[in-house]
Amino acid sequence: METTPFGRGLLHIRCRQLIVFVVLTAVILVSFSCMQSLLTVGRRFLTTMASEVDSKLFSMAFVTAPSEDVAKKLARGLVEGKLVACVNLIPKITSIYEWEGKIEESSEVLMMIKTRTSRVSDVAKYVRENHPYEVAEVISTSIEQGNPPYLEWLNKAVPES
């Protein structure tokens, strides 16, 4: 069978079309695969943003206690009373301070307390009423950033005042 120049040209065009088709199909498949990944990431981001709680609604308070037993009792009362979400007890700190004209050194337990900013005054009141010290340390600072799921848990754990 003899091929004419026209027949070879047609065959050449069809080969090009087939190559272009295969390349475009590959590009579309890769794009679709990437798009699915982008959509998944986008959905996660939007879900996180939609449920994200403003971290500035929350504070950390710090209280020192003379012993682990006192710190546990205070912590349990704060959590049970829903004044705070969590209290971390950091044992064996050393505090050096001036008290009644003398330099003192005491072994204490540091309580790191997470709560709503609106509840810090309630926390301070509870500590003053239940702490053995004449002048109990209760200081706080706002939480600037945090893990969104943790902040969501904190938001649910401590009711608004």
C-alpha atoms as a PDB file:
ATOM      1  CA  MET A   1       0.000   0.000   0.000  1.00  0.00           C
ATOM      2  CA  GLU A   2       1.401   3.304  -1.062  1.00  0.00           C
ATOM      3  CA  THR A   3       1.100   6.362   1.160  1.00  0.00           C
ATOM      4  CA  THR A   4       0.612   9.734  -0.289  1.00  0.00           C
ATOM      5  CA  PRO A   5       2.156  12.851   1.158  1.00  0.00           C
ATOM      6  CA  PHE A   6      -1.377  13.834   2.194  1.00  0.00           C
ATOM      7  CA  GLY A   7      -1.775  10.536   4.117  1.00  0.00           C
ATOM      8  CA  ARG A   8       1.504  11.014   5.981  1.00  0.00           C
ATOM      9  CA  GLY A   9       0.509  14.561   6.879  1.00  0.00           C
ATOM     10  CA  LEU A  10      -2.802  13.367   8.250  1.00  0.00           C
ATOM     11  CA  LEU A  11      -1.059  10.665  10.270  1.00  0.00           C
ATOM     12  CA  HIS A  12       1.437  13.243  11.575  1.00  0.00           C
ATOM     13  CA  ILE A  13      -1.431  15.560  12.651  1.00  0.00           C
ATOM     14  CA  ARG A  14      -3.238  12.698  14.411  1.00  0.00           C
ATOM     15  CA  CYS A  15      -0.041  11.755  16.314  1.00  0.00           C
ATOM     16  CA  ARG A  16       0.335  15.359  17.455  1.00  0.00           C
ATOM     17  CA  GLN A  17      -3.294  15.445  18.501  1.00  0.00           C
ATOM     18  CA  LEU A  18      -2.840  12.219  20.453  1.00  0.00           C
ATOM     19  CA  ILE A  19       0.277  13.587  22.204  1.00  0.00           C
ATOM     20  CA  VAL A  20      -1.484  16.852  23.037  1.00  0.00           C
ATOM     21  CA  PHE A  21      -4.492  14.883  24.301  1.00  0.00           C
ATOM     22  CA  VAL A  22      -2.306  12.668  26.542  1.00  0.00           C
ATOM     23  CA  VAL A  23      -0.371  15.660  27.915  1.00  0.00           C
ATOM     24  CA  LEU A  24      -3.548  17.659  28.583  1.00  0.00           C
ATOM     25  CA  THR A  25      -5.157  14.649  30.262  1.00  0.00           C
ATOM     26  CA  ALA A  26      -2.104  14.257  32.505  1.00  0.00           C
ATOM     27  CA  VAL A  27      -2.143  17.971  33.363  1.00  0.00           C
ATOM     28  CA  ILE A  28      -5.858  17.828  34.173  1.00  0.00           C
ATOM     29  CA  LEU A  29      -5.403  14.742  36.368  1.00  0.00           C
ATOM     30  CA  VAL A  30      -2.479  16.304  38.254  1.00  0.00           C
ATOM     31  CA  SER A  31      -4.401  19.578  38.617  1.00  0.00           C
ATOM     32  CA  PHE A  32      -7.444  17.716  39.921  1.00  0.00           C
ATOM     33  CA  SER A  33      -5.279  15.837  42.410  1.00  0.00           C
ATOM     34  CA  CYS A  34      -3.677  19.099  43.601  1.00  0.00           C
ATOM     35  CA  MET A  35      -7.072  20.788  43.733  1.00  0.00           C
ATOM     36  CA  GLN A  36      -8.401  18.034  46.019  1.00  0.00           C
ATOM     37  CA  SER A  37      -5.428  18.577  48.347  1.00  0.00           C
ATOM     38  CA  LEU A  38      -5.942  22.340  48.284  1.00  0.00           C
ATOM     39  CA  LEU A  39      -9.635  21.921  48.995  1.00  0.00           C
ATOM     40  CA  THR A  40      -8.873  19.643  51.960  1.00  0.00           C
ATOM     41  CA  VAL A  41      -6.372  22.129  53.384  1.00  0.00           C
ATOM     42  CA  GLY A  42      -8.780  24.995  52.714  1.00  0.00           C
ATOM     43  CA  ARG A  43     -11.647  23.209  54.465  1.00  0.00           C
ATOM     44  CA  ARG A  44      -9.458  22.507  57.510  1.00  0.00           C
ATOM     45  CA  PHE A  45      -8.335  26.124  57.631  1.00  0.00           C
ATOM     46  CA  LEU A  46     -11.878  27.480  57.330  1.00  0.00           C
ATOM     47  CA  THR A  47     -13.194  25.025  59.926  1.00  0.00           C
ATOM     48  CA  THR A  48     -10.451  26.066  62.333  1.00  0.00           C
ATOM     49  CA  MET A  49     -11.080  29.740  61.661  1.00  0.00           C
ATOM     50  CA  ALA A  50     -14.845  29.355  62.053  1.00  0.00           C
ATOM     51  CA  SER A  51     -14.524  27.612  65.404  1.00  0.00           C
ATOM     52  CA  GLU A  52     -11.534  29.610  66.627  1.00  0.00           C
ATOM     53  CA  VAL A  53     -12.105  31.375  69.901  1.00  0.00           C
ATOM     54  CA  ASP A  54     -10.474  34.734  70.571  1.00  0.00           C
ATOM     55  CA  SER A  55      -7.505  33.903  72.809  1.00  0.00           C
ATOM     56  CA  LYS A  56      -7.701  37.290  74.522  1.00  0.00           C
ATOM     57  CA  LEU A  57     -10.874  36.126  76.293  1.00  0.00           C
ATOM     58  CA  PHE A  58      -8.612  34.001  78.491  1.00  0.00           C
ATOM     59  CA  SER A  59      -5.940  34.587  81.105  1.00  0.00           C
ATOM     60  CA  MET A  60      -3.332  32.716  83.077  1.00  0.00           C
ATOM     61  CA  ALA A  61      -3.164  33.417  86.770  1.00  0.00           C
ATOM     62  CA  PHE A  62      -0.256  32.534  89.006  1.00  0.00           C
ATOM     63  CA  VAL A  63      -0.615  31.689  92.689  1.00  0.00           C
ATOM     64  CA  THR A  64       2.018  30.391  95.071  1.00  0.00           C
ATOM     65  CA  ALA A  65       1.157  27.966  97.860  1.00  0.00           C
ATOM     66  CA  PRO A  66       3.219  26.818 100.853  1.00  0.00           C
ATOM     67  CA  SER A  67       2.823  23.099 100.073  1.00  0.00           C
ATOM     68  CA  GLU A  68       1.550  20.662  97.478  1.00  0.00           C
ATOM     69  CA  ASP A  69      -1.399  19.721  99.718  1.00  0.00           C
ATOM     70  CA  VAL A  70      -2.533  23.357  99.962  1.00  0.00           C
ATOM     71  CA  ALA A  71      -2.034  23.850  96.212  1.00  0.00           C
ATOM     72  CA  LYS A  72      -4.056  20.698  95.401  1.00  0.00           C
ATOM     73  CA  LYS A  73      -6.875  21.768  97.721  1.00  0.00           C
ATOM     74  CA  LEU A  74      -7.020  25.236  96.142  1.00  0.00           C
ATOM     75  CA  ALA A  75      -6.771  23.805  92.602  1.00  0.00           C
ATOM     76  CA  ARG A  76      -9.529  21.273  93.189  1.00  0.00           C
ATOM     77  CA  GLY A  77     -11.844  23.952  94.608  1.00  0.00           C
ATOM     78  CA  LEU A  78     -11.202  26.263  91.645  1.00  0.00           C
ATOM     79  CA  VAL A  79     -11.849  23.525  89.066  1.00  0.00           C
ATOM     80  CA  GLU A  80     -14.884  22.069  90.868  1.00  0.00           C
ATOM     81  CA  GLY A  81     -16.333  25.574  91.224  1.00  0.00           C
ATOM     82  CA  LYS A  82     -15.898  26.044  87.441  1.00  0.00           C
ATOM     83  CA  LEU A  83     -13.855  29.188  88.054  1.00  0.00           C
ATOM     84  CA  VAL A  84     -10.972  27.729  86.047  1.00  0.00           C
ATOM     85  CA  ALA A  85     -10.437  25.062  83.409  1.00  0.00           C
ATOM     86  CA  CYS A  86      -7.070  23.757  84.549  1.00  0.00           C
ATOM     87  CA  VAL A  87      -4.407  24.246  87.203  1.00  0.00           C
ATOM     88  CA  ASN A  88      -0.834  23.037  86.723  1.00  0.00           C
ATOM     89  CA  LEU A  89       1.110  22.526  89.935  1.00  0.00           C
ATOM     90  CA  ILE A  90       4.809  23.219  89.639  1.00  0.00           C
ATOM     91  CA  PRO A  91       6.482  21.934  92.801  1.00  0.00           C
ATOM     92  CA  LYS A  92       9.713  22.907  94.500  1.00  0.00           C
ATOM     93  CA  ILE A  93      10.131  26.502  93.482  1.00  0.00           C
ATOM     94  CA  THR A  94      12.120  28.805  95.705  1.00  0.00           C
ATOM     95  CA  SER A  95      10.759  32.257  96.430  1.00  0.00           C
ATOM     96  CA  ILE A  96      12.969  35.015  97.819  1.00  0.00           C
ATOM     97  CA  TYR A  97      11.132  38.109  98.987  1.00  0.00           C
ATOM     98  CA  GLU A  98      10.997  40.798 101.631  1.00  0.00           C
ATOM     99  CA  TRP A  99       8.341  40.366 104.304  1.00  0.00           C
ATOM    100  CA  GLU A 100       7.938  42.589 107.369  1.00  0.00           C
ATOM    101  CA  GLY A 101      11.407  44.064 106.931  1.00  0.00           C
ATOM    102  CA  LYS A 102      13.264  40.757 106.535  1.00  0.00           C
ATOM    103  CA  ILE A 103      14.515  38.890 103.482  1.00  0.00           C
ATOM    104  CA  GLU A 104      12.743  35.525 103.415  1.00  0.00           C
ATOM    105  CA  GLU A 105      13.358  32.358 101.418  1.00  0.00           C
ATOM    106  CA  SER A 106      10.595  29.772 101.091  1.00  0.00           C
ATOM    107  CA  SER A 107      10.002  26.547  99.226  1.00  0.00           C
ATOM    108  CA  GLU A 108       6.632  26.840  97.486  1.00  0.00           C
ATOM    109  CA  VAL A 109       4.408  25.330  94.809  1.00  0.00           C
ATOM    110  CA  LEU A 110       3.512  27.497  91.814  1.00  0.00           C
ATOM    111  CA  MET A 111      -0.029  27.167  90.518  1.00  0.00           C
ATOM    112  CA  MET A 112      -0.432  28.038  86.830  1.00  0.00           C
ATOM    113  CA  ILE A 113      -4.157  28.622  86.332  1.00  0.00           C
ATOM    114  CA  LYS A 114      -6.063  28.927  83.016  1.00  0.00           C
ATOM    115  CA  THR A 115      -9.401  30.722  83.067  1.00  0.00           C
ATOM    116  CA  ARG A 116     -11.518  33.363  81.401  1.00  0.00           C
ATOM    117  CA  THR A 117     -10.263  36.912  81.840  1.00  0.00           C
ATOM    118  CA  SER A 118     -13.727  37.811  83.140  1.00  0.00           C
ATOM    119  CA  ARG A 119     -13.294  35.259  85.971  1.00  0.00           C
ATOM    120  CA  VAL A 120      -9.871  36.385  87.266  1.00  0.00           C
ATOM    121  CA  SER A 121     -11.429  38.521  90.024  1.00  0.00           C
ATOM    122  CA  ASP A 122     -13.542  35.498  91.121  1.00  0.00           C
ATOM    123  CA  VAL A 123     -10.386  33.375  91.176  1.00  0.00           C
ATOM    124  CA  ALA A 124      -8.591  35.996  93.295  1.00  0.00           C
ATOM    125  CA  LYS A 125     -11.549  36.161  95.704  1.00  0.00           C
ATOM    126  CA  TYR A 126     -11.610  32.347  96.075  1.00  0.00           C
ATOM    127  CA  VAL A 127      -7.856  32.251  96.685  1.00  0.00           C
ATOM    128  CA  ARG A 128      -8.003  35.075  99.281  1.00  0.00           C
ATOM    129  CA  GLU A 129     -10.800  33.300 101.150  1.00  0.00           C
ATOM    130  CA  ASN A 130      -9.129  29.860 101.133  1.00  0.00           C
ATOM    131  CA  HIS A 131      -5.383  30.510 101.163  1.00  0.00           C
ATOM    132  CA  PRO A 132      -3.373  30.256 104.401  1.00  0.00           C
ATOM    133  CA  TYR A 133      -1.155  33.263 103.581  1.00  0.00           C
ATOM    134  CA  GLU A 134      -2.080  36.659 104.983  1.00  0.00           C
ATOM    135  CA  VAL A 135      -1.289  38.138 101.547  1.00  0.00           C
ATOM    136  CA  ALA A 136      -1.767  35.527  98.831  1.00  0.00           C
ATOM    137  CA  GLU A 137      -0.094  36.061  95.479  1.00  0.00           C
ATOM    138  CA  VAL A 138      -2.629  36.188  92.653  1.00  0.00           C
ATOM    139  CA  ILE A 139      -1.314  37.763  89.475  1.00  0.00           C
ATOM    140  CA  SER A 140      -2.503  37.280  85.917  1.00  0.00           C
ATOM    141  CA  THR A 141      -1.744  37.975  82.302  1.00  0.00           C
ATOM    142  CA  SER A 142      -3.839  37.561  79.183  1.00  0.00           C
ATOM    143  CA  ILE A 143      -3.279  34.674  76.806  1.00  0.00           C
ATOM    144  CA  GLU A 144      -2.146  36.157  73.496  1.00  0.00           C
ATOM    145  CA  GLN A 145      -2.226  32.968  71.408  1.00  0.00           C
ATOM    146  CA  GLY A 146      -3.141  29.349  71.852  1.00  0.00           C
ATOM    147  CA  ASN A 147      -4.030  26.079  70.210  1.00  0.00           C
ATOM    148  CA  PRO A 148      -7.590  26.640  68.890  1.00  0.00           C
ATOM    149  CA  PRO A 149      -8.971  23.268  70.107  1.00  0.00           C
ATOM    150  CA  TYR A 150      -7.530  23.944  73.581  1.00  0.00           C
ATOM    151  CA  LEU A 151      -9.047  27.423  73.679  1.00  0.00           C
ATOM    152  CA  GLU A 152     -12.383  25.963  72.561  1.00  0.00           C
ATOM    153  CA  TRP A 153     -12.188  23.458  75.448  1.00  0.00           C
ATOM    154  CA  LEU A 154     -11.303  26.270  77.868  1.00  0.00           C
ATOM    155  CA  ASN A 155     -14.254  28.269  76.526  1.00  0.00           C
ATOM    156  CA  LYS A 156     -16.623  25.368  77.263  1.00  0.00           C
ATOM    157  CA  ALA A 157     -15.072  24.435  80.618  1.00  0.00           C
ATOM    158  CA  VAL A 158     -15.418  27.859  82.273  1.00  0.00           C
ATOM    159  CA  PRO A 159     -18.815  29.548  82.068  1.00  0.00           C
ATOM    160  CA  GLU A 160     -19.005  33.308  81.678  1.00  0.00           C
ATOM    161  CA  SER A 161     -19.414  35.242  84.913  1.00  0.00           C
END
